[in-house]
All heavy atoms as atom14 arrays in JSON, in Angstrom:
{
  "sequence": "ITSRNDGVANYTGSKSYYPPLLDKDESWKLFCKKVFK",
  "atom14_mask": [
    [1, 1, 1, 1, 1, 1, 1, 1, 0, 0, 0, 0, 0, 0],
    [1, 1, 1, 1, 1, 1, 1, 0, 0, 0, 0, 0, 0, 0],
    [1, 1, 1, 1, 1, 1, 0, 0, 0, 0, 0, 0, 0, 0],
    [1, 1, 1, 1, 1, 1, 1, 1, 1, 1, 1, 0, 0, 0],
    [1, 1, 1, 1, 1, 1, 1, 1, 0, 0, 0, 0, 0, 0],
    [1, 1, 1, 1, 1, 1, 1, 1, 0, 0, 0, 0, 0, 0],
    [1, 1, 1, 1, 0, 0, 0, 0, 0, 0, 0, 0, 0, 0],
    [1, 1, 1, 1, 1, 1, 1, 0, 0, 0, 0, 0, 0, 0],
    [1, 1, 1, 1, 1, 0, 0, 0, 0, 0, 0, 0, 0, 0],
    [1, 1, 1, 1, 1, 1, 1, 1, 0, 0, 0, 0, 0, 0],
    [1, 1, 1, 1, 1, 1, 1, 1, 1, 1, 1, 1, 0, 0],
    [1, 1, 1, 1, 1, 1, 1, 0, 0, 0, 0, 0, 0, 0],
    [1, 1, 1, 1, 0, 0, 0, 0, 0, 0, 0, 0, 0, 0],
    [1, 1, 1, 1, 1, 1, 0, 0, 0, 0, 0, 0, 0, 0],
    [1, 1, 1, 1, 1, 1, 1, 1, 1, 0, 0, 0, 0, 0],
    [1, 1, 1, 1, 1, 1, 0, 0, 0, 0, 0, 0, 0, 0],
    [1, 1, 1, 1, 1, 1, 1, 1, 1, 1, 1, 1, 0, 0],
    [1, 1, 1, 1, 1, 1, 1, 1, 1, 1, 1, 1, 0, 0],
    [1, 1, 1, 1, 1, 1, 1, 0, 0, 0, 0, 0, 0, 0],
    [1, 1, 1, 1, 1, 1, 1, 0, 0, 0, 0, 0, 0, 0],
    [1, 1, 1, 1, 1, 1, 1, 1, 0, 0, 0, 0, 0, 0],
    [1, 1, 1, 1, 1, 1, 1, 1, 0, 0, 0, 0, 0, 0],
    [1, 1, 1, 1, 1, 1, 1, 1, 0, 0, 0, 0, 0, 0],
    [1, 1, 1, 1, 1, 1, 1, 1, 1, 0, 0, 0, 0, 0],
    [1, 1, 1, 1, 1, 1, 1, 1, 0, 0, 0, 0, 0, 0],
    [1, 1, 1, 1, 1, 1, 1, 1, 1, 0, 0, 0, 0, 0],
    [1, 1, 1, 1, 1, 1, 0, 0, 0, 0, 0, 0, 0, 0],
    [1, 1, 1, 1, 1, 1, 1, 1, 1, 1, 1, 1, 1, 1],
    [1, 1, 1, 1, 1, 1, 1, 1, 1, 0, 0, 0, 0, 0],
    [1, 1, 1, 1, 1, 1, 1, 1, 0, 0, 0, 0, 0, 0],
    [1, 1, 1, 1, 1, 1, 1, 1, 1, 1, 1, 0, 0, 0],
    [1, 1, 1, 1, 1, 1, 0, 0, 0, 0, 0, 0, 0, 0],
    [1, 1, 1, 1, 1, 1, 1, 1, 1, 0, 0, 0, 0, 0],
    [1, 1, 1, 1, 1, 1, 1, 1, 1, 0, 0, 0, 0, 0],
    [1, 1, 1, 1, 1, 1, 1, 0, 0, 0, 0, 0, 0, 0],
    [1, 1, 1, 1, 1, 1, 1, 1, 1, 1, 1, 0, 0, 0],
    [1, 1, 1, 1, 1, 1, 1, 1, 1, 0, 0, 0, 0, 0]
  ],
  "atom14_positions": [
    [[0.88, -1.21, 0.02], [0.01, 0.0, 0.04], [0.88, 1.24, 0.0], [1.85, 1.31, 0.8], [-0.9, 0.05, 1.24], [-1.86, -1.23, 1.24], [-1.67, 1.3, 1.3], [-2.65, -1.37, 2.49], [0.0, 0.0, 0.0], [0.0, 0.0, 0.0], [0.0, 0.0, 0.0], [0.0, 0.0, 0.0], [0.0, 0.0, 0.0], [0.0, 0.0, 0.0]],
    [[0.56, 2.18, -0.91], [1.25, 3.47, -0.85], [0.13, 4.48, -0.48], [-0.99, 4.37, -0.84], [1.89, 3.86, -2.15], [0.86, 4.15, -3.13], [2.85, 2.77, -2.67], [0.0, 0.0, 0.0], [0.0, 0.0, 0.0], [0.0, 0.0, 0.0], [0.0, 0.0, 0.0], [0.0, 0.0, 0.0], [0.0, 0.0, 0.0], [0.0, 0.0, 0.0]],
    [[0.61, 5.56, 0.25], [-0.29, 6.58, 0.63], [0.55, 7.82, 1.12], [1.71, 7.69, 1.52], [-1.13, 6.13, 1.87], [-2.0, 7.19, 2.31], [0.0, 0.0, 0.0], [0.0, 0.0, 0.0], [0.0, 0.0, 0.0], [0.0, 0.0, 0.0], [0.0, 0.0, 0.0], [0.0, 0.0, 0.0], [0.0, 0.0, 0.0], [0.0, 0.0, 0.0]],
    [[-0.09, 8.96, 0.93], [0.52, 10.19, 1.46], [0.0, 10.52, 2.91], [0.39, 11.51, 3.44], [0.24, 11.34, 0.49], [0.76, 11.06, -0.81], [0.31, 12.1, -1.85], [0.15, 11.47, -3.14], [0.12, 12.12, -4.21], [0.25, 13.48, -4.21], [-0.03, 11.53, -5.35], [0.0, 0.0, 0.0], [0.0, 0.0, 0.0], [0.0, 0.0, 0.0]],
    [[-0.89, 9.66, 3.35], [-1.58, 9.94, 4.62], [-1.11, 8.93, 5.63], [-1.3, 7.72, 5.54], [-3.06, 9.75, 4.37], [-3.93, 10.01, 5.61], [-3.46, 10.04, 6.71], [-5.21, 10.12, 5.35], [0.0, 0.0, 0.0], [0.0, 0.0, 0.0], [0.0, 0.0, 0.0], [0.0, 0.0, 0.0], [0.0, 0.0, 0.0], [0.0, 0.0, 0.0]],
    [[-0.4, 9.42, 6.68], [0.12, 8.61, 7.76], [-0.99, 7.77, 8.42], [-0.79, 6.72, 8.93], [0.84, 9.35, 8.82], [2.26, 9.72, 8.39], [2.77, 9.09, 7.54], [2.8, 10.7, 8.96], [0.0, 0.0, 0.0], [0.0, 0.0, 0.0], [0.0, 0.0, 0.0], [0.0, 0.0, 0.0], [0.0, 0.0, 0.0], [0.0, 0.0, 0.0]],
    [[-2.22, 8.32, 8.4], [-3.32, 7.64, 9.02], [-3.6, 6.31, 8.38], [-4.08, 5.41, 9.05], [0.0, 0.0, 0.0], [0.0, 0.0, 0.0], [0.0, 0.0, 0.0], [0.0, 0.0, 0.0], [0.0, 0.0, 0.0], [0.0, 0.0, 0.0], [0.0, 0.0, 0.0], [0.0, 0.0, 0.0], [0.0, 0.0, 0.0], [0.0, 0.0, 0.0]],
    [[-3.29, 6.17, 7.15], [-3.52, 4.89, 6.43], [-2.57, 3.84, 6.98], [-3.0, 2.7, 7.29], [-3.39, 5.09, 4.86], [-3.47, 3.67, 4.19], [-4.45, 6.0, 4.34], [0.0, 0.0, 0.0], [0.0, 0.0, 0.0], [0.0, 0.0, 0.0], [0.0, 0.0, 0.0], [0.0, 0.0, 0.0], [0.0, 0.0, 0.0], [0.0, 0.0, 0.0]],
    [[-1.33, 4.17, 7.11], [-0.32, 3.28, 7.62], [-0.63, 2.87, 9.05], [-0.61, 1.68, 9.47], [1.05, 3.84, 7.57], [0.0, 0.0, 0.0], [0.0, 0.0, 0.0], [0.0, 0.0, 0.0], [0.0, 0.0, 0.0], [0.0, 0.0, 0.0], [0.0, 0.0, 0.0], [0.0, 0.0, 0.0], [0.0, 0.0, 0.0], [0.0, 0.0, 0.0]],
    [[-1.01, 3.83, 9.88], [-1.44, 3.6, 11.27], [-2.62, 2.65, 11.3], [-2.7, 1.74, 12.11], [-1.72, 4.88, 11.99], [-0.5, 5.74, 12.15], [0.67, 5.23, 12.12], [-0.66, 7.05, 12.25], [0.0, 0.0, 0.0], [0.0, 0.0, 0.0], [0.0, 0.0, 0.0], [0.0, 0.0, 0.0], [0.0, 0.0, 0.0], [0.0, 0.0, 0.0]],
    [[-3.67, 2.92, 10.47], [-4.82, 2.09, 10.46], [-4.57, 0.66, 10.11], [-5.16, -0.25, 10.68], [-5.87, 2.79, 9.52], [-7.18, 1.93, 9.47], [-8.11, 2.22, 10.47], [-7.42, 0.99, 8.5], [-9.33, 1.49, 10.44], [-8.58, 0.28, 8.56], [-9.53, 0.5, 9.49], [-10.73, -0.18, 9.52], [0.0, 0.0, 0.0], [0.0, 0.0, 0.0]],
    [[-3.66, 0.47, 9.13], [-3.4, -0.87, 8.65], [-2.44, -1.64, 9.47], [-2.2, -2.87, 9.42], [-2.82, -0.92, 7.19], [-1.55, -0.2, 7.26], [-3.74, -0.21, 6.24], [0.0, 0.0, 0.0], [0.0, 0.0, 0.0], [0.0, 0.0, 0.0], [0.0, 0.0, 0.0], [0.0, 0.0, 0.0], [0.0, 0.0, 0.0], [0.0, 0.0, 0.0]],
    [[-1.79, -0.89, 10.45], [-0.84, -1.54, 11.39], [0.55, -1.65, 10.66], [1.36, -2.46, 11.13], [0.0, 0.0, 0.0], [0.0, 0.0, 0.0], [0.0, 0.0, 0.0], [0.0, 0.0, 0.0], [0.0, 0.0, 0.0], [0.0, 0.0, 0.0], [0.0, 0.0, 0.0], [0.0, 0.0, 0.0], [0.0, 0.0, 0.0], [0.0, 0.0, 0.0]],
    [[0.68, -0.99, 9.6], [1.93, -1.08, 8.85], [2.97, -0.03, 9.32], [2.6, 0.92, 9.99], [1.68, -0.89, 7.34], [0.77, -1.81, 6.83], [0.0, 0.0, 0.0], [0.0, 0.0, 0.0], [0.0, 0.0, 0.0], [0.0, 0.0, 0.0], [0.0, 0.0, 0.0], [0.0, 0.0, 0.0], [0.0, 0.0, 0.0], [0.0, 0.0, 0.0]],
    [[4.2, -0.27, 8.93], [5.24, 0.75, 9.21], [5.26, 1.66, 8.0], [5.22, 1.29, 6.89], [6.51, 0.06, 9.41], [6.6, -0.8, 10.64], [7.96, -1.4, 10.77], [8.01, -2.26, 12.05], [9.28, -2.93, 12.19], [0.0, 0.0, 0.0], [0.0, 0.0, 0.0], [0.0, 0.0, 0.0], [0.0, 0.0, 0.0], [0.0, 0.0, 0.0]],
    [[5.52, 2.95, 8.29], [5.68, 3.99, 7.25], [7.14, 3.95, 6.83], [8.01, 3.71, 7.61], [5.29, 5.31, 7.73], [3.97, 5.43, 8.03], [0.0, 0.0, 0.0], [0.0, 0.0, 0.0], [0.0, 0.0, 0.0], [0.0, 0.0, 0.0], [0.0, 0.0, 0.0], [0.0, 0.0, 0.0], [0.0, 0.0, 0.0], [0.0, 0.0, 0.0]],
    [[7.38, 4.12, 5.51], [8.69, 4.32, 5.03], [8.83, 5.75, 4.41], [8.04, 6.06, 3.56], [9.03, 3.26, 3.96], [10.35, 3.51, 3.28], [11.53, 3.27, 3.9], [10.37, 3.99, 1.97], [12.77, 3.53, 3.28], [11.57, 4.26, 1.34], [12.79, 4.04, 2.03], [13.97, 4.26, 1.37], [0.0, 0.0, 0.0], [0.0, 0.0, 0.0]],
    [[9.77, 6.43, 4.88], [9.97, 7.78, 4.37], [11.34, 7.83, 3.58], [12.41, 7.7, 4.2], [10.02, 8.79, 5.51], [8.72, 8.84, 6.32], [8.62, 8.12, 7.47], [7.68, 9.58, 5.87], [7.42, 8.13, 8.18], [6.5, 9.63, 6.55], [6.4, 8.94, 7.72], [5.21, 9.02, 8.38], [0.0, 0.0, 0.0], [0.0, 0.0, 0.0]],
    [[11.24, 7.9, 2.31], [12.48, 7.93, 1.55], [13.23, 9.15, 1.86], [12.71, 10.16, 2.23], [12.1, 7.98, 0.08], [10.58, 8.19, 0.11], [10.07, 8.01, 1.44], [0.0, 0.0, 0.0], [0.0, 0.0, 0.0], [0.0, 0.0, 0.0], [0.0, 0.0, 0.0], [0.0, 0.0, 0.0], [0.0, 0.0, 0.0], [0.0, 0.0, 0.0]],
    [[14.61, 9.04, 1.89], [15.39, 10.21, 2.23], [15.25, 11.29, 1.29], [15.09, 11.06, 0.05], [16.87, 9.65, 2.27], [16.79, 8.4, 1.45], [15.41, 7.88, 1.59], [0.0, 0.0, 0.0], [0.0, 0.0, 0.0], [0.0, 0.0, 0.0], [0.0, 0.0, 0.0], [0.0, 0.0, 0.0], [0.0, 0.0, 0.0], [0.0, 0.0, 0.0]],
    [[15.33, 12.54, 1.76], [15.28, 13.68, 0.83], [16.62, 13.88, 0.11], [17.63, 13.42, 0.6], [14.9, 14.93, 1.68], [13.59, 14.93, 2.36], [13.42, 16.23, 3.15], [12.4, 14.83, 1.34], [0.0, 0.0, 0.0], [0.0, 0.0, 0.0], [0.0, 0.0, 0.0], [0.0, 0.0, 0.0], [0.0, 0.0, 0.0], [0.0, 0.0, 0.0]],
    [[16.51, 14.43, -1.05], [17.71, 14.65, -1.82], [18.28, 16.08, -1.6], [17.51, 16.92, -1.28], [17.35, 14.54, -3.34], [16.72, 13.18, -3.79], [16.37, 13.31, -5.32], [17.63, 12.02, -3.53], [0.0, 0.0, 0.0], [0.0, 0.0, 0.0], [0.0, 0.0, 0.0], [0.0, 0.0, 0.0], [0.0, 0.0, 0.0], [0.0, 0.0, 0.0]],
    [[19.56, 16.23, -1.75], [20.12, 17.51, -1.62], [19.91, 18.3, -2.9], [19.3, 17.72, -3.88], [21.65, 17.46, -1.24], [22.52, 16.94, -2.3], [22.17, 16.94, -3.55], [23.59, 16.33, -2.0], [0.0, 0.0, 0.0], [0.0, 0.0, 0.0], [0.0, 0.0, 0.0], [0.0, 0.0, 0.0], [0.0, 0.0, 0.0], [0.0, 0.0, 0.0]],
    [[20.34, 19.55, -2.95], [20.04, 20.48, -4.13], [20.63, 19.79, -5.4], [19.87, 19.81, -6.43], [20.72, 21.81, -3.96], [20.11, 22.7, -2.97], [20.79, 24.05, -3.07], [20.83, 24.75, -1.78], [21.53, 26.04, -1.9], [0.0, 0.0, 0.0], [0.0, 0.0, 0.0], [0.0, 0.0, 0.0], [0.0, 0.0, 0.0], [0.0, 0.0, 0.0]],
    [[21.81, 19.27, -5.37], [22.38, 18.77, -6.61], [21.74, 17.46, -7.04], [21.48, 17.3, -8.26], [23.94, 18.5, -6.41], [24.7, 19.83, -6.33], [24.23, 20.83, -6.88], [25.77, 19.79, -5.66], [0.0, 0.0, 0.0], [0.0, 0.0, 0.0], [0.0, 0.0, 0.0], [0.0, 0.0, 0.0], [0.0, 0.0, 0.0], [0.0, 0.0, 0.0]],
    [[21.41, 16.62, -6.16], [20.74, 15.39, -6.49], [19.35, 15.63, -7.02], [18.87, 15.01, -8.01], [20.63, 14.42, -5.21], [21.93, 13.87, -4.71], [21.76, 13.21, -3.42], [20.97, 13.68, -2.52], [22.49, 12.16, -3.2], [0.0, 0.0, 0.0], [0.0, 0.0, 0.0], [0.0, 0.0, 0.0], [0.0, 0.0, 0.0], [0.0, 0.0, 0.0]],
    [[18.66, 16.57, -6.38], [17.29, 16.97, -6.87], [17.38, 17.49, -8.35], [16.53, 17.17, -9.12], [16.71, 18.01, -5.95], [16.45, 17.52, -4.69], [0.0, 0.0, 0.0], [0.0, 0.0, 0.0], [0.0, 0.0, 0.0], [0.0, 0.0, 0.0], [0.0, 0.0, 0.0], [0.0, 0.0, 0.0], [0.0, 0.0, 0.0], [0.0, 0.0, 0.0]],
    [[18.3, 18.38, -8.59], [18.43, 18.97, -9.9], [18.84, 17.91, -10.91], [18.2, 17.87, -12.03], [19.53, 20.07, -9.86], [19.64, 20.73, -11.22], [20.71, 20.69, -12.07], [18.65, 21.5, -11.92], [20.53, 21.37, -13.2], [19.19, 21.87, -13.15], [17.35, 21.87, -11.59], [18.52, 22.69, -14.07], [16.7, 22.73, -12.51], [17.24, 23.02, -13.74]],
    [[19.7, 16.95, -10.6], [20.05, 15.97, -11.53], [18.86, 15.03, -11.87], [18.59, 14.69, -13.05], [21.18, 15.12, -11.0], [22.57, 15.79, -11.11], [23.62, 14.95, -10.38], [24.88, 15.75, -10.27], [25.93, 14.99, -9.5], [0.0, 0.0, 0.0], [0.0, 0.0, 0.0], [0.0, 0.0, 0.0], [0.0, 0.0, 0.0], [0.0, 0.0, 0.0]],
    [[18.12, 14.67, -10.81], [16.95, 13.81, -11.05], [15.86, 14.55, -11.87], [15.32, 14.02, -12.8], [16.37, 13.35, -9.74], [15.09, 12.57, -9.76], [15.38, 11.15, -10.5], [14.57, 12.28, -8.4], [0.0, 0.0, 0.0], [0.0, 0.0, 0.0], [0.0, 0.0, 0.0], [0.0, 0.0, 0.0], [0.0, 0.0, 0.0], [0.0, 0.0, 0.0]],
    [[15.68, 15.84, -11.65], [14.73, 16.61, -12.32], [15.1, 16.63, -13.8], [14.26, 16.37, -14.74], [14.7, 18.03, -11.77], [13.8, 19.02, -12.52], [12.39, 18.96, -12.34], [14.37, 19.94, -13.37], [11.64, 19.87, -13.01], [13.59, 20.82, -14.05], [12.19, 20.81, -13.88], [0.0, 0.0, 0.0], [0.0, 0.0, 0.0], [0.0, 0.0, 0.0]],
    [[16.3, 16.98, -14.12], [16.8, 17.02, -15.51], [16.72, 15.67, -16.17], [16.34, 15.58, -17.37], [18.19, 17.61, -15.57], [18.3, 19.38, -15.23], [0.0, 0.0, 0.0], [0.0, 0.0, 0.0], [0.0, 0.0, 0.0], [0.0, 0.0, 0.0], [0.0, 0.0, 0.0], [0.0, 0.0, 0.0], [0.0, 0.0, 0.0], [0.0, 0.0, 0.0]],
    [[17.05, 14.67, -15.48], [17.0, 13.3, -16.05], [15.56, 12.94, -16.49], [15.32, 12.38, -17.52], [17.53, 12.31, -15.04], [17.48, 10.92, -15.52], [18.05, 9.9, -14.43], [17.87, 8.48, -14.87], [18.31, 7.59, -13.83], [0.0, 0.0, 0.0], [0.0, 0.0, 0.0], [0.0, 0.0, 0.0], [0.0, 0.0, 0.0], [0.0, 0.0, 0.0]],
    [[14.62, 13.23, -15.61], [13.23, 12.9, -15.83], [12.5, 13.82, -16.86], [11.83, 13.37, -17.76], [12.39, 12.87, -14.55], [12.77, 11.8, -13.59], [12.36, 10.48, -14.12], [12.64, 9.33, -13.19], [12.3, 8.08, -13.69], [0.0, 0.0, 0.0], [0.0, 0.0, 0.0], [0.0, 0.0, 0.0], [0.0, 0.0, 0.0], [0.0, 0.0, 0.0]],
    [[12.72, 15.12, -16.69], [12.03, 16.12, -17.51], [12.66, 16.27, -18.91], [11.97, 16.35, -19.93], [11.92, 17.43, -16.74], [11.33, 18.59, -17.69], [11.14, 17.35, -15.54], [0.0, 0.0, 0.0], [0.0, 0.0, 0.0], [0.0, 0.0, 0.0], [0.0, 0.0, 0.0], [0.0, 0.0, 0.0], [0.0, 0.0, 0.0], [0.0, 0.0, 0.0]],
    [[14.01, 16.31, -18.9], [14.69, 16.54, -20.14], [15.42, 15.35, -20.66], [16.35, 15.48, -21.48], [15.66, 17.74, -19.97], [14.97, 18.98, -19.49], [15.24, 19.44, -18.18], [14.09, 19.63, -20.27], [14.57, 20.53, -17.71], [13.45, 20.78, -19.78], [13.67, 21.25, -18.5], [0.0, 0.0, 0.0], [0.0, 0.0, 0.0], [0.0, 0.0, 0.0]],
    [[15.03, 14.2, -20.23], [15.62, 12.92, -20.61], [17.18, 12.86, -20.53], [17.84, 12.38, -21.43], [15.17, 12.5, -22.04], [13.66, 12.56, -22.23], [13.0, 11.48, -21.48], [11.53, 11.52, -21.88], [10.69, 11.27, -20.78], [0.0, 0.0, 0.0], [0.0, 0.0, 0.0], [0.0, 0.0, 0.0], [0.0, 0.0, 0.0], [0.0, 0.0, 0.0]]
  ]
}
């Protein structure tokens, strides 16, 4: 199950997974890779 609502994970008794945030450079590289191929 994926959700943006922590209440869903709590209700199902599942653990939430929070992917680590990217730094400025990583974010920019990913953005360019996805948007501009």
